[in-house]
Amino acid sequence: MTRTTGWMLVAGIALAALLLAGCGGTETAATGPGMLFVSVENNNTGNEAVAIFEMASALSGDTTPDRYLEGAQTGFQALPNIGNHVADADNDLYLADTGADAIFIFSPATSVTGNVAPSRKLEGTNVPLTDPRGIAVDTSLDILYVADSWNNDIYVWDNAATVDGDVGPDRTLAGIPVPKDIALDQANDRLYVCANNGAEIRVYNSASTRNGAVTADRTISGADTQFNSAWGIELDLSRDRLYVANRNTNAILAFNNVGTMDGNVAPLNDVSGVATGIFYSMDIALDRERDHIYHVNDWGDTVRVWHNASGADGNLAPNRTISNSAGLLDKSRALSFISQ
């Protein structure tokens, strides 16, 4: 069966759920083949773009993206200005663009393609973004969180499913030093933040109601954590795991007991070494249904995939790699995955 035929068959199945990628919330079982979003620079045009792969759970080798989001109408600035992105359970794709100081929202995430304008965007003088990075969406409470590394804040918008235009945030979690990626435990209203330029992870309870200068309820930091420019984080609540793309140690770290871990805690697993192919670990995305983890290096050209993510450890080669010999995955920087 060809990939195209397989996708047409799967498309006829009702959408069971979209798993949050880049935020650790709702983890409902899904039945689809998975879809992978990768922010890249198109080596042929020099444009910033998002490469989209359908049937991602089975892809391997030299692969052409099924769809490519690229062109002047998208609003994307020159690479490396896409920060993180997330596809949420309402089938919206949120992208942080640090060149435009904006959030671009494309819908539906499962079919968007080409040179198209965002369905919605947050941009303008009332939008205080200067260096937007991490994004998380709480679809239950309809809240959008955006981490701004320059302003040392996390901005919070209510009505995430409809907010549009030059609209200021409803609340601000202020005074969080250099936040990068963020992950949301939606069930427990808890926000995890790569902070202090990746030297620590701060945890904020009752995230949906916090406002103003905030103090973390827990802070994971210290020599035992191995944090050194921790850049990307993912939660797998069903397996009680927190995953960290640890840039300067060329590693993926996995921690246990995510609901209570605090202080100077050593990782349970550490995927690193020559066989891994990890070099300047940049971002990760989870297929929670299959226990797969997707990884991209800073400005890499290959997506590496480990199966049995919760048990992966040591100098372990990936089970699969996804690449493109025509340069359509060059300078990759951010990942999202949805099970559909």
Protein backbone atom coordinates (compact mmCIF):
# COMPACT_ATOMS: atom_id res chain seq x y z
CA MET A 1 0.00 0.00 0.00
CA THR A 2 1.41 3.42 -0.89
CA ARG A 3 1.61 6.19 1.67
CA THR A 4 -0.95 8.21 -0.32
CA THR A 5 -3.45 5.36 -0.45
CA GLY A 6 -2.91 4.61 3.22
CA TRP A 7 -3.54 8.21 4.18
CA MET A 8 -6.76 8.34 2.14
CA LEU A 9 -8.04 5.30 4.02
CA VAL A 10 -7.11 6.76 7.39
CA ALA A 11 -8.68 10.10 6.49
CA GLY A 12 -12.03 8.32 6.29
CA ILE A 13 -11.78 7.37 9.96
CA ALA A 14 -13.30 9.83 12.43
CA LEU A 15 -10.80 12.01 14.25
CA ALA A 16 -10.53 10.32 17.65
CA ALA A 17 -8.26 12.92 19.23
CA LEU A 18 -5.36 15.28 18.65
CA LEU A 19 -2.61 14.87 21.23
CA LEU A 20 -0.90 18.02 22.37
CA ALA A 21 2.69 18.27 21.16
CA GLY A 22 4.82 20.74 23.05
CA CYS A 23 2.45 20.80 26.02
CA GLY A 24 1.83 17.90 28.36
CA GLY A 25 -1.94 18.04 28.68
CA THR A 26 -4.78 15.84 27.46
CA GLU A 27 -3.42 12.42 26.55
CA THR A 28 -6.39 10.62 25.02
CA ALA A 29 -5.70 7.41 23.08
CA ALA A 30 -5.67 7.95 19.33
CA THR A 31 -5.84 5.59 16.39
CA GLY A 32 -4.24 7.45 13.50
CA PRO A 33 -0.80 7.23 11.90
CA GLY A 34 0.48 10.50 13.29
CA MET A 35 1.45 13.82 11.72
CA LEU A 36 4.79 15.59 12.18
CA PHE A 37 5.41 19.34 11.82
CA VAL A 38 9.01 20.58 11.39
CA SER A 39 10.07 24.24 11.12
CA VAL A 40 12.84 24.52 8.52
CA GLU A 41 14.57 26.68 5.97
CA ASN A 42 13.77 25.58 2.42
CA ASN A 43 17.25 25.08 0.95
CA ASN A 44 15.91 25.80 -2.54
CA THR A 45 14.25 29.15 -1.79
CA GLY A 46 15.87 30.31 1.45
CA ASN A 47 12.40 30.80 2.92
CA GLU A 48 11.29 29.87 6.39
CA ALA A 49 8.71 27.10 6.20
CA VAL A 50 6.96 24.29 8.02
CA ALA A 51 7.37 20.82 6.53
CA ILE A 52 4.46 18.49 7.29
CA PHE A 53 4.66 14.70 7.18
CA GLU A 54 1.58 12.50 7.25
CA MET A 55 1.74 8.87 8.44
CA ALA A 56 4.75 9.97 10.50
CA SER A 57 4.74 6.94 12.80
CA ALA A 58 6.06 4.73 9.98
CA LEU A 59 8.29 7.13 8.02
CA SER A 60 11.98 6.43 7.58
CA GLY A 61 14.79 7.49 5.27
CA ASP A 62 14.84 10.07 2.48
CA THR A 63 11.28 11.39 2.55
CA THR A 64 9.49 14.25 0.80
CA PRO A 65 7.10 16.27 2.99
CA ASP A 66 3.44 15.72 2.14
CA ARG A 67 2.73 19.42 2.63
CA TYR A 68 4.80 22.56 2.91
CA LEU A 69 3.63 25.76 4.59
CA GLU A 70 5.67 28.53 2.96
CA GLY A 71 5.44 31.90 1.24
CA ALA A 72 4.87 35.61 1.76
CA GLN A 73 1.25 35.24 2.80
CA THR A 74 2.16 33.08 5.81
CA GLY A 75 3.82 36.07 7.45
CA PHE A 76 6.93 34.06 8.33
CA GLN A 77 10.11 36.07 8.68
CA ALA A 78 13.55 34.79 7.70
CA LEU A 79 14.93 31.78 9.54
CA PRO A 80 15.68 31.15 12.36
CA ASN A 81 12.66 33.09 13.48
CA ILE A 82 10.12 30.35 14.04
CA GLY A 83 10.24 29.55 17.74
CA ASN A 84 8.23 26.59 18.95
CA HIS A 85 4.90 25.50 17.58
CA VAL A 86 2.06 23.32 18.76
CA ALA A 87 -0.93 21.65 17.16
CA ASP A 88 -3.77 21.50 19.66
CA ALA A 89 -6.85 19.40 20.23
CA ASP A 90 -9.01 21.93 18.36
CA ASN A 91 -6.96 21.27 15.18
CA ASP A 92 -5.19 24.65 15.25
CA LEU A 93 -1.46 25.05 14.56
CA TYR A 94 0.12 27.83 16.65
CA LEU A 95 3.56 29.15 15.63
CA ALA A 96 5.75 31.66 17.46
CA ASP A 97 7.67 33.90 15.02
CA THR A 98 10.48 35.79 16.74
CA GLY A 99 11.15 37.96 13.67
CA ALA A 100 7.59 39.21 13.42
CA ASP A 101 7.10 39.18 17.23
CA ALA A 102 3.84 37.44 16.56
CA ILE A 103 1.85 34.25 16.98
CA PHE A 104 0.45 32.83 13.74
CA ILE A 105 -2.46 30.39 13.92
CA PHE A 106 -3.36 28.11 11.00
CA SER A 107 -6.49 26.01 10.85
CA PRO A 108 -7.14 23.20 10.24
CA ALA A 109 -3.69 21.92 11.18
CA THR A 110 -4.34 18.57 9.55
CA SER A 111 -4.74 20.02 6.04
CA VAL A 112 -3.10 23.47 5.93
CA THR A 113 -0.58 23.83 3.10
CA GLY A 114 1.10 26.21 0.69
CA ASN A 115 1.36 29.98 0.60
CA VAL A 116 -1.66 30.81 2.77
CA ALA A 117 -2.36 33.54 5.29
CA PRO A 118 -2.88 32.56 8.93
CA SER A 119 -6.46 31.94 9.97
CA ARG A 120 -5.73 34.18 12.97
CA LYS A 121 -2.75 35.96 14.43
CA LEU A 122 -1.62 37.89 17.50
CA GLU A 123 0.39 40.84 16.26
CA GLY A 124 0.49 44.60 16.84
CA THR A 125 1.30 47.32 19.34
CA ASN A 126 -0.86 45.78 22.07
CA VAL A 127 0.84 42.40 21.71
CA PRO A 128 3.95 42.71 23.94
CA LEU A 129 5.96 39.93 22.29
CA THR A 130 9.67 40.55 21.68
CA ASP A 131 11.16 37.05 21.52
CA PRO A 132 8.30 34.50 21.65
CA ARG A 133 9.49 30.92 22.12
CA GLY A 134 7.46 28.26 23.91
CA ILE A 135 3.72 27.82 23.34
CA ALA A 136 1.14 25.78 25.23
CA VAL A 137 -2.62 25.61 24.78
CA ASP A 138 -5.14 24.52 27.41
CA THR A 139 -8.09 23.46 25.27
CA SER A 140 -10.20 22.64 28.33
CA LEU A 141 -10.00 26.17 29.75
CA ASP A 142 -9.41 27.79 26.32
CA ILE A 143 -6.13 29.46 27.34
CA LEU A 144 -3.00 30.23 25.32
CA TYR A 145 0.41 30.53 27.04
CA VAL A 146 3.41 32.12 25.27
CA ALA A 147 6.91 32.34 26.77
CA ASP A 148 8.88 35.47 25.83
CA SER A 149 12.61 35.04 26.39
CA TRP A 150 13.50 38.70 25.99
CA ASN A 151 10.85 40.10 28.32
CA ASN A 152 11.24 37.35 30.96
CA ASP A 153 7.49 36.80 30.96
CA ILE A 154 4.85 34.29 30.02
CA TYR A 155 1.83 35.94 28.46
CA VAL A 156 -1.62 34.42 28.83
CA TRP A 157 -4.58 34.91 26.52
CA ASP A 158 -8.08 33.69 27.29
CA ASN A 159 -10.39 32.62 24.46
CA ALA A 160 -7.50 30.86 22.71
CA ALA A 161 -9.80 29.30 20.12
CA THR A 162 -10.97 32.69 18.83
CA VAL A 163 -8.47 35.38 19.90
CA ASP A 164 -7.25 37.36 16.90
CA GLY A 165 -5.53 40.60 16.00
CA ASP A 166 -3.85 43.33 18.01
CA VAL A 167 -5.03 42.01 21.38
CA GLY A 168 -3.05 42.30 24.59
CA PRO A 169 -2.74 39.37 27.01
CA ASP A 170 -5.27 38.89 29.79
CA ARG A 171 -2.60 37.99 32.34
CA THR A 172 1.18 37.86 32.69
CA LEU A 173 3.37 35.48 34.65
CA ALA A 174 6.15 38.00 35.24
CA GLY A 175 9.74 37.76 36.28
CA ILE A 176 10.62 34.34 34.88
CA PRO A 177 14.23 34.65 33.65
CA VAL A 178 14.77 33.81 29.97
CA PRO A 179 11.97 31.25 29.51
CA LYS A 180 12.37 28.96 26.51
CA ASP A 181 10.04 26.02 25.96
CA ILE A 182 6.99 25.36 28.15
CA ALA A 183 4.85 22.30 28.78
CA LEU A 184 1.38 22.13 30.27
CA ASP A 185 -0.12 19.51 32.55
CA GLN A 186 -3.66 20.41 31.61
CA ALA A 187 -5.36 17.98 34.01
CA ASN A 188 -3.61 19.52 37.01
CA ASP A 189 -3.43 23.12 35.76
CA ARG A 190 0.35 23.04 36.08
CA LEU A 191 2.93 24.76 33.86
CA TYR A 192 6.54 23.59 33.38
CA VAL A 193 9.02 26.19 32.12
CA CYS A 194 12.59 25.90 30.82
CA ALA A 195 13.93 28.99 32.60
CA ASN A 196 17.12 30.88 33.34
CA ASN A 197 18.39 30.20 29.82
CA GLY A 198 17.89 26.48 30.27
CA ALA A 199 19.66 26.10 33.62
CA GLU A 200 16.50 25.04 35.44
CA ILE A 201 12.89 23.99 35.05
CA ARG A 202 10.33 25.88 37.09
CA VAL A 203 6.89 24.51 37.90
CA TYR A 204 3.84 26.70 38.51
CA ASN A 205 0.66 25.30 40.02
CA SER A 206 -2.76 26.87 39.32
CA ALA A 207 -1.26 28.27 36.13
CA SER A 208 -4.56 29.45 34.70
CA THR A 209 -5.11 31.94 37.53
CA ARG A 210 -1.57 33.21 38.14
CA ASN A 211 -0.89 36.85 37.36
CA GLY A 212 1.88 39.34 38.05
CA ALA A 213 5.23 38.50 39.65
CA VAL A 214 5.22 34.76 40.28
CA THR A 215 7.23 32.42 42.47
CA ALA A 216 7.71 28.84 41.31
CA ASP A 217 6.13 26.09 43.41
CA ARG A 218 9.03 23.84 42.50
CA THR A 219 12.40 24.39 40.80
CA ILE A 220 14.41 21.56 39.29
CA SER A 221 18.05 22.65 39.12
CA GLY A 222 21.56 21.76 40.21
CA ALA A 223 24.56 19.79 38.98
CA ASP A 224 22.82 16.41 39.16
CA THR A 225 20.13 17.49 36.69
CA GLN A 226 22.81 17.97 33.99
CA PHE A 227 20.86 20.97 32.66
CA ASN A 228 22.99 23.03 30.30
CA SER A 229 20.85 25.11 27.96
CA ALA A 230 17.80 22.90 28.32
CA TRP A 231 15.78 24.02 25.32
CA GLY A 232 12.84 21.72 24.58
CA ILE A 233 10.59 19.90 27.07
CA GLU A 234 7.75 17.40 26.78
CA LEU A 235 5.49 15.71 29.32
CA ASP A 236 4.17 12.16 29.18
CA LEU A 237 1.85 12.04 32.16
CA SER A 238 0.66 8.49 31.53
CA ARG A 239 4.24 7.25 32.01
CA ASP A 240 5.16 9.87 34.62
CA ARG A 241 7.99 11.26 32.46
CA LEU A 242 9.47 14.66 31.73
CA TYR A 243 11.76 14.79 28.66
CA VAL A 244 14.33 17.53 28.08
CA ALA A 245 16.33 18.39 24.96
CA ASN A 246 19.58 19.42 26.68
CA ARG A 247 21.38 21.47 24.06
CA ASN A 248 24.93 21.84 25.32
CA THR A 249 25.40 18.24 26.48
CA ASN A 250 24.04 16.81 23.21
CA ALA A 251 21.44 14.76 25.05
CA ILE A 252 17.81 13.88 25.67
CA LEU A 253 17.20 13.59 29.40
CA ALA A 254 14.24 11.76 30.96
CA PHE A 255 13.01 12.38 34.52
CA ASN A 256 10.57 10.38 36.61
CA ASN A 257 7.92 11.49 39.15
CA VAL A 258 7.01 14.65 37.24
CA GLY A 259 4.22 15.58 39.66
CA THR A 260 6.54 15.85 42.66
CA MET A 261 10.16 16.10 41.44
CA ASP A 262 11.98 19.06 42.93
CA GLY A 263 15.48 20.37 43.50
CA ASN A 264 18.73 18.75 42.39
CA VAL A 265 17.33 15.58 40.78
CA ALA A 266 19.32 13.30 38.48
CA PRO A 267 17.69 12.11 35.26
CA LEU A 268 16.40 8.55 35.08
CA ASN A 269 17.70 8.16 31.50
CA ASP A 270 20.26 10.03 29.41
CA VAL A 271 20.30 9.42 25.64
CA SER A 272 23.65 10.74 24.45
CA GLY A 273 26.81 9.65 22.65
CA VAL A 274 28.16 9.32 19.12
CA ALA A 275 25.67 6.65 18.05
CA THR A 276 22.70 8.89 18.83
CA GLY A 277 23.64 11.54 16.25
CA ILE A 278 22.60 14.23 18.74
CA PHE A 279 24.57 17.46 18.39
CA TYR A 280 23.23 20.64 19.99
CA SER A 281 19.97 19.06 21.06
CA MET A 282 17.21 21.51 20.11
CA ASP A 283 13.66 20.18 20.27
CA ILE A 284 11.63 17.05 20.91
CA ALA A 285 8.08 15.86 20.29
CA LEU A 286 6.25 12.82 21.63
CA ASP A 287 4.02 10.21 20.09
CA ARG A 288 2.55 9.23 23.44
CA GLU A 289 0.35 6.50 22.02
CA ARG A 290 3.32 4.55 20.65
CA ASP A 291 5.95 5.76 23.16
CA HIS A 292 8.10 7.28 20.38
CA ILE A 293 10.20 10.43 20.76
CA TYR A 294 11.16 12.65 17.82
CA HIS A 295 14.27 14.83 18.02
CA VAL A 296 15.96 17.52 15.97
CA ASN A 297 19.38 19.13 16.37
CA ASP A 298 19.85 22.89 16.28
CA TRP A 299 19.92 23.75 12.57
CA GLY A 300 19.98 20.05 11.73
CA ASP A 301 18.68 18.35 8.61
CA THR A 302 17.41 15.07 10.07
CA VAL A 303 14.63 14.07 12.45
CA ARG A 304 15.70 11.17 14.67
CA VAL A 305 13.14 8.87 16.25
CA TRP A 306 13.54 6.53 19.21
CA HIS A 307 10.93 3.87 19.95
CA ASN A 308 10.35 2.84 23.57
CA ALA A 309 11.10 6.44 24.53
CA SER A 310 10.40 5.82 28.20
CA GLY A 311 13.16 3.20 28.33
CA ALA A 312 15.70 4.67 25.89
CA ASP A 313 19.05 5.27 27.56
CA GLY A 314 22.75 5.67 26.83
CA ASN A 315 24.61 5.73 23.53
CA LEU A 316 21.63 4.38 21.59
CA ALA A 317 21.17 4.83 17.84
CA PRO A 318 17.71 6.00 16.75
CA ASN A 319 15.26 3.41 15.42
CA ARG A 320 14.41 5.64 12.47
CA THR A 321 15.61 8.82 10.78
CA ILE A 322 13.63 11.13 8.53
CA SER A 323 15.60 13.23 6.06
CA ASN A 324 15.30 14.88 2.64
CA SER A 325 18.13 14.91 0.12
CA ALA A 326 16.67 17.95 -1.68
CA GLY A 327 17.23 20.18 1.35
CA LEU A 328 13.61 20.45 2.45
CA LEU A 329 14.57 19.72 6.07
CA ASP A 330 17.63 21.96 6.26
CA LYS A 331 18.10 24.11 9.37
CA SER A 332 15.34 22.39 11.31
CA ARG A 333 14.64 23.90 14.73
CA ALA A 334 11.24 22.92 16.14
CA LEU A 335 8.92 19.92 16.14
CA SER A 336 5.25 19.13 16.83
CA PHE A 337 3.50 15.80 16.61
CA ILE A 338 -0.21 14.95 16.62
CA SER A 339 -1.95 11.57 16.60
CA GLN A 340 -5.05 11.85 14.48
